[in-house]
Amino acid sequence: MMKISRLNSPLMHMIEANRKMTQAPKPTRNLYESDFYAWTQQQTALLQQHQWNQVDIVNLIEEVSSLGRQQQQELRNRLSVLIGHLLKWQYQPEQRSRS
């Protein structure tokens, strides 16, 4: 009788590879929770070395997404301040300073 793993070896290989990729190592997750800066340095090194199976994908996705939202909010805030200054410049010329 043939073993199932031999019969479906390509499928079993894909399942095993997927399982390994979706399970972040516990030390990485602990590092993410205990020392964020060290975690970022570790993830950078893993990405540079193409060690994809060791990258903390779940937290990395969240951080990249969060960074994008922060940048977008920062741009909105700065544009609001700029528009406020331009409106004051236009409609309150007596309040202008030499600086």
N, C-alpha and C. Protein backbone atom coordinates (compact mmCIF):
# COMPACT_ATOMS: atom_id res chain seq x y z
N MET A 1 0.83 -1.18 0.00
CA MET A 1 0.00 0.00 0.00
C MET A 1 0.89 1.25 0.00
N MET A 2 0.58 2.19 -0.90
CA MET A 2 1.37 3.40 -1.06
C MET A 2 0.95 4.44 -0.02
N LYS A 3 1.93 5.08 0.58
CA LYS A 3 1.62 6.12 1.56
C LYS A 3 1.06 7.35 0.86
N ILE A 4 0.18 8.03 1.54
CA ILE A 4 -0.44 9.23 0.99
C ILE A 4 0.61 10.30 0.70
N SER A 5 1.59 10.44 1.57
CA SER A 5 2.60 11.48 1.36
C SER A 5 3.40 11.24 0.08
N ARG A 6 3.65 9.99 -0.28
CA ARG A 6 4.34 9.70 -1.53
C ARG A 6 3.42 9.94 -2.72
N LEU A 7 2.16 9.61 -2.57
CA LEU A 7 1.20 9.75 -3.65
C LEU A 7 1.00 11.23 -4.00
N ASN A 8 0.93 12.06 -3.00
CA ASN A 8 0.67 13.48 -3.22
C ASN A 8 1.89 14.33 -2.85
N SER A 9 3.07 13.87 -3.13
CA SER A 9 4.26 14.59 -2.66
C SER A 9 4.32 16.04 -3.13
N PRO A 10 3.99 16.40 -4.36
CA PRO A 10 4.02 17.83 -4.71
C PRO A 10 3.01 18.64 -3.88
N LEU A 11 1.83 18.08 -3.69
CA LEU A 11 0.82 18.76 -2.89
C LEU A 11 1.26 18.85 -1.43
N MET A 12 1.80 17.77 -0.90
CA MET A 12 2.27 17.79 0.49
C MET A 12 3.41 18.79 0.66
N HIS A 13 4.27 18.87 -0.35
CA HIS A 13 5.38 19.82 -0.29
C HIS A 13 4.84 21.26 -0.25
N MET A 14 3.83 21.56 -1.06
CA MET A 14 3.24 22.90 -1.08
C MET A 14 2.57 23.22 0.25
N ILE A 15 1.87 22.25 0.80
CA ILE A 15 1.20 22.46 2.09
C ILE A 15 2.23 22.72 3.18
N GLU A 16 3.29 21.93 3.20
CA GLU A 16 4.34 22.10 4.21
C GLU A 16 5.04 23.45 4.05
N ALA A 17 5.33 23.86 2.81
CA ALA A 17 5.98 25.15 2.57
C ALA A 17 5.08 26.29 3.01
N ASN A 18 3.79 26.18 2.73
CA ASN A 18 2.83 27.21 3.14
C ASN A 18 2.73 27.27 4.67
N ARG A 19 2.72 26.13 5.32
CA ARG A 19 2.66 26.09 6.77
C ARG A 19 3.87 26.78 7.38
N LYS A 20 5.04 26.51 6.83
CA LYS A 20 6.26 27.13 7.34
C LYS A 20 6.26 28.64 7.14
N MET A 21 5.74 29.09 6.00
CA MET A 21 5.72 30.51 5.71
C MET A 21 4.73 31.27 6.58
N THR A 22 3.63 30.64 6.93
CA THR A 22 2.60 31.34 7.69
C THR A 22 2.85 31.31 9.19
N GLN A 23 3.78 30.51 9.63
CA GLN A 23 4.08 30.45 11.06
C GLN A 23 5.33 31.26 11.34
N ALA A 24 5.16 32.41 11.96
CA ALA A 24 6.31 33.23 12.33
C ALA A 24 6.99 32.59 13.53
N PRO A 25 8.30 32.57 13.55
CA PRO A 25 9.00 32.00 14.70
C PRO A 25 8.66 32.78 15.97
N LYS A 26 8.51 32.09 17.07
CA LYS A 26 8.15 32.74 18.32
C LYS A 26 9.16 33.79 18.76
N PRO A 27 10.47 33.58 18.61
CA PRO A 27 11.39 34.63 19.02
C PRO A 27 11.15 35.95 18.28
N THR A 28 10.79 35.88 16.99
CA THR A 28 10.51 37.09 16.23
C THR A 28 9.31 37.81 16.81
N ARG A 29 8.26 37.08 17.09
CA ARG A 29 7.07 37.71 17.66
C ARG A 29 7.37 38.29 19.04
N ASN A 30 8.14 37.59 19.85
CA ASN A 30 8.50 38.13 21.15
C ASN A 30 9.34 39.38 21.00
N LEU A 31 10.24 39.40 20.04
CA LEU A 31 11.07 40.56 19.80
C LEU A 31 10.21 41.74 19.34
N TYR A 32 9.23 41.48 18.50
CA TYR A 32 8.31 42.53 18.03
C TYR A 32 7.60 43.17 19.22
N GLU A 33 7.20 42.38 20.17
CA GLU A 33 6.46 42.88 21.32
C GLU A 33 7.38 43.52 22.36
N SER A 34 8.62 43.08 22.46
CA SER A 34 9.50 43.57 23.53
C SER A 34 10.47 44.66 23.08
N ASP A 35 10.93 44.62 21.82
CA ASP A 35 11.91 45.60 21.35
C ASP A 35 11.67 45.88 19.88
N PHE A 36 10.80 46.86 19.63
CA PHE A 36 10.37 47.15 18.26
C PHE A 36 11.54 47.50 17.35
N TYR A 37 12.48 48.32 17.84
CA TYR A 37 13.61 48.72 17.01
C TYR A 37 14.46 47.50 16.61
N ALA A 38 14.74 46.64 17.55
CA ALA A 38 15.51 45.43 17.24
C ALA A 38 14.76 44.56 16.24
N TRP A 39 13.44 44.49 16.38
CA TRP A 39 12.61 43.72 15.44
C TRP A 39 12.75 44.29 14.03
N THR A 40 12.71 45.64 13.90
CA THR A 40 12.84 46.24 12.58
C THR A 40 14.19 45.92 11.96
N GLN A 41 15.24 45.95 12.77
CA GLN A 41 16.58 45.65 12.26
C GLN A 41 16.69 44.19 11.83
N GLN A 42 16.07 43.32 12.61
CA GLN A 42 16.08 41.89 12.27
C GLN A 42 15.32 41.65 10.96
N GLN A 43 14.16 42.27 10.81
CA GLN A 43 13.37 42.08 9.60
C GLN A 43 14.10 42.62 8.38
N THR A 44 14.77 43.76 8.54
CA THR A 44 15.56 44.33 7.45
C THR A 44 16.65 43.36 7.01
N ALA A 45 17.35 42.80 7.97
CA ALA A 45 18.42 41.84 7.64
C ALA A 45 17.85 40.60 6.95
N LEU A 46 16.74 40.09 7.45
CA LEU A 46 16.13 38.91 6.83
C LEU A 46 15.71 39.20 5.40
N LEU A 47 15.13 40.36 5.16
CA LEU A 47 14.71 40.73 3.81
C LEU A 47 15.93 40.90 2.90
N GLN A 48 16.97 41.53 3.37
CA GLN A 48 18.18 41.73 2.57
C GLN A 48 18.85 40.41 2.21
N GLN A 49 18.73 39.44 3.11
CA GLN A 49 19.34 38.12 2.89
C GLN A 49 18.40 37.16 2.18
N HIS A 50 17.21 37.65 1.79
CA HIS A 50 16.21 36.85 1.09
C HIS A 50 15.77 35.63 1.89
N GLN A 51 15.73 35.76 3.19
CA GLN A 51 15.29 34.67 4.06
C GLN A 51 13.79 34.83 4.31
N TRP A 52 13.02 34.64 3.24
CA TRP A 52 11.59 34.91 3.25
C TRP A 52 10.83 34.08 4.27
N ASN A 53 11.25 32.87 4.49
CA ASN A 53 10.50 31.99 5.41
C ASN A 53 10.69 32.38 6.88
N GLN A 54 11.61 33.28 7.18
CA GLN A 54 11.83 33.70 8.56
C GLN A 54 11.25 35.09 8.85
N VAL A 55 10.79 35.77 7.81
CA VAL A 55 10.25 37.12 7.97
C VAL A 55 8.90 37.04 8.70
N ASP A 56 8.70 37.96 9.61
CA ASP A 56 7.45 38.05 10.38
C ASP A 56 6.41 38.77 9.51
N ILE A 57 5.82 38.05 8.58
CA ILE A 57 4.93 38.61 7.57
C ILE A 57 3.73 39.34 8.19
N VAL A 58 3.09 38.74 9.16
CA VAL A 58 1.87 39.33 9.75
C VAL A 58 2.17 40.72 10.31
N ASN A 59 3.19 40.83 11.13
CA ASN A 59 3.51 42.12 11.72
C ASN A 59 4.11 43.08 10.71
N LEU A 60 4.86 42.57 9.75
CA LEU A 60 5.45 43.43 8.73
C LEU A 60 4.36 44.07 7.87
N ILE A 61 3.36 43.30 7.49
CA ILE A 61 2.23 43.84 6.72
C ILE A 61 1.54 44.94 7.52
N GLU A 62 1.29 44.70 8.78
CA GLU A 62 0.63 45.70 9.62
C GLU A 62 1.46 46.97 9.73
N GLU A 63 2.76 46.84 9.90
CA GLU A 63 3.62 48.01 10.05
C GLU A 63 3.71 48.82 8.76
N VAL A 64 3.81 48.16 7.62
CA VAL A 64 3.88 48.87 6.35
C VAL A 64 2.56 49.60 6.09
N SER A 65 1.46 48.94 6.37
CA SER A 65 0.15 49.57 6.21
C SER A 65 0.00 50.76 7.13
N SER A 66 0.42 50.61 8.37
CA SER A 66 0.35 51.69 9.36
C SER A 66 1.22 52.86 8.94
N LEU A 67 2.40 52.58 8.42
CA LEU A 67 3.29 53.64 7.97
C LEU A 67 2.66 54.44 6.85
N GLY A 68 2.01 53.76 5.93
CA GLY A 68 1.31 54.45 4.84
C GLY A 68 0.22 55.36 5.36
N ARG A 69 -0.56 54.88 6.32
CA ARG A 69 -1.62 55.71 6.91
C ARG A 69 -1.03 56.92 7.63
N GLN A 70 0.06 56.72 8.36
CA GLN A 70 0.70 57.83 9.07
C GLN A 70 1.20 58.90 8.10
N GLN A 71 1.81 58.46 7.01
CA GLN A 71 2.33 59.41 6.03
C GLN A 71 1.19 60.21 5.39
N GLN A 72 0.11 59.53 5.09
CA GLN A 72 -1.04 60.19 4.49
C GLN A 72 -1.63 61.22 5.46
N GLN A 73 -1.76 60.88 6.73
CA GLN A 73 -2.29 61.80 7.73
C GLN A 73 -1.35 62.98 7.93
N GLU A 74 -0.05 62.74 7.94
CA GLU A 74 0.92 63.81 8.07
C GLU A 74 0.80 64.79 6.91
N LEU A 75 0.64 64.30 5.70
CA LEU A 75 0.48 65.16 4.53
C LEU A 75 -0.79 66.00 4.66
N ARG A 76 -1.89 65.38 5.09
CA ARG A 76 -3.14 66.14 5.30
C ARG A 76 -2.93 67.27 6.31
N ASN A 77 -2.28 66.95 7.42
CA ASN A 77 -2.04 67.96 8.46
C ASN A 77 -1.20 69.12 7.94
N ARG A 78 -0.15 68.81 7.24
CA ARG A 78 0.73 69.87 6.72
C ARG A 78 0.02 70.72 5.68
N LEU A 79 -0.78 70.08 4.82
CA LEU A 79 -1.53 70.85 3.83
C LEU A 79 -2.56 71.75 4.49
N SER A 80 -3.18 71.28 5.56
CA SER A 80 -4.14 72.11 6.30
C SER A 80 -3.47 73.34 6.88
N VAL A 81 -2.30 73.17 7.46
CA VAL A 81 -1.56 74.30 8.03
C VAL A 81 -1.17 75.27 6.91
N LEU A 82 -0.69 74.74 5.80
CA LEU A 82 -0.29 75.58 4.67
C LEU A 82 -1.48 76.38 4.15
N ILE A 83 -2.61 75.74 3.96
CA ILE A 83 -3.81 76.44 3.47
C ILE A 83 -4.24 77.52 4.46
N GLY A 84 -4.17 77.20 5.75
CA GLY A 84 -4.49 78.20 6.77
C GLY A 84 -3.58 79.41 6.68
N HIS A 85 -2.29 79.21 6.51
CA HIS A 85 -1.35 80.32 6.37
C HIS A 85 -1.62 81.13 5.10
N LEU A 86 -1.89 80.44 4.01
CA LEU A 86 -2.18 81.14 2.76
C LEU A 86 -3.46 81.97 2.85
N LEU A 87 -4.47 81.42 3.51
CA LEU A 87 -5.72 82.18 3.69
C LEU A 87 -5.49 83.41 4.56
N LYS A 88 -4.72 83.27 5.63
CA LYS A 88 -4.40 84.42 6.48
C LYS A 88 -3.61 85.46 5.68
N TRP A 89 -2.66 85.00 4.88
CA TRP A 89 -1.87 85.91 4.07
C TRP A 89 -2.76 86.70 3.10
N GLN A 90 -3.72 86.00 2.50
CA GLN A 90 -4.61 86.62 1.52
C GLN A 90 -5.61 87.58 2.17
N TYR A 91 -6.23 87.14 3.27
CA TYR A 91 -7.35 87.91 3.83
C TYR A 91 -7.00 88.75 5.05
N GLN A 92 -5.79 88.66 5.55
CA GLN A 92 -5.38 89.48 6.69
C GLN A 92 -4.02 90.13 6.41
N PRO A 93 -3.93 90.95 5.38
CA PRO A 93 -2.61 91.54 5.04
C PRO A 93 -2.04 92.40 6.16
N GLU A 94 -2.91 92.97 6.99
CA GLU A 94 -2.40 93.80 8.08
C GLU A 94 -1.70 92.99 9.16
N GLN A 95 -1.92 91.71 9.20
CA GLN A 95 -1.29 90.84 10.20
C GLN A 95 0.05 90.26 9.74
N ARG A 96 0.45 90.55 8.50
CA ARG A 96 1.71 89.99 7.96
C ARG A 96 2.91 90.54 8.73
N SER A 97 3.86 89.69 8.92
CA SER A 97 5.12 90.13 9.56
C SER A 97 6.22 90.15 8.49
N ARG A 98 7.34 90.71 8.84
CA ARG A 98 8.47 90.80 7.89
C ARG A 98 9.20 89.46 7.74
N SER A 99 8.99 88.54 8.62
CA SER A 99 9.71 87.27 8.57
C SER A 99 9.11 86.29 7.60
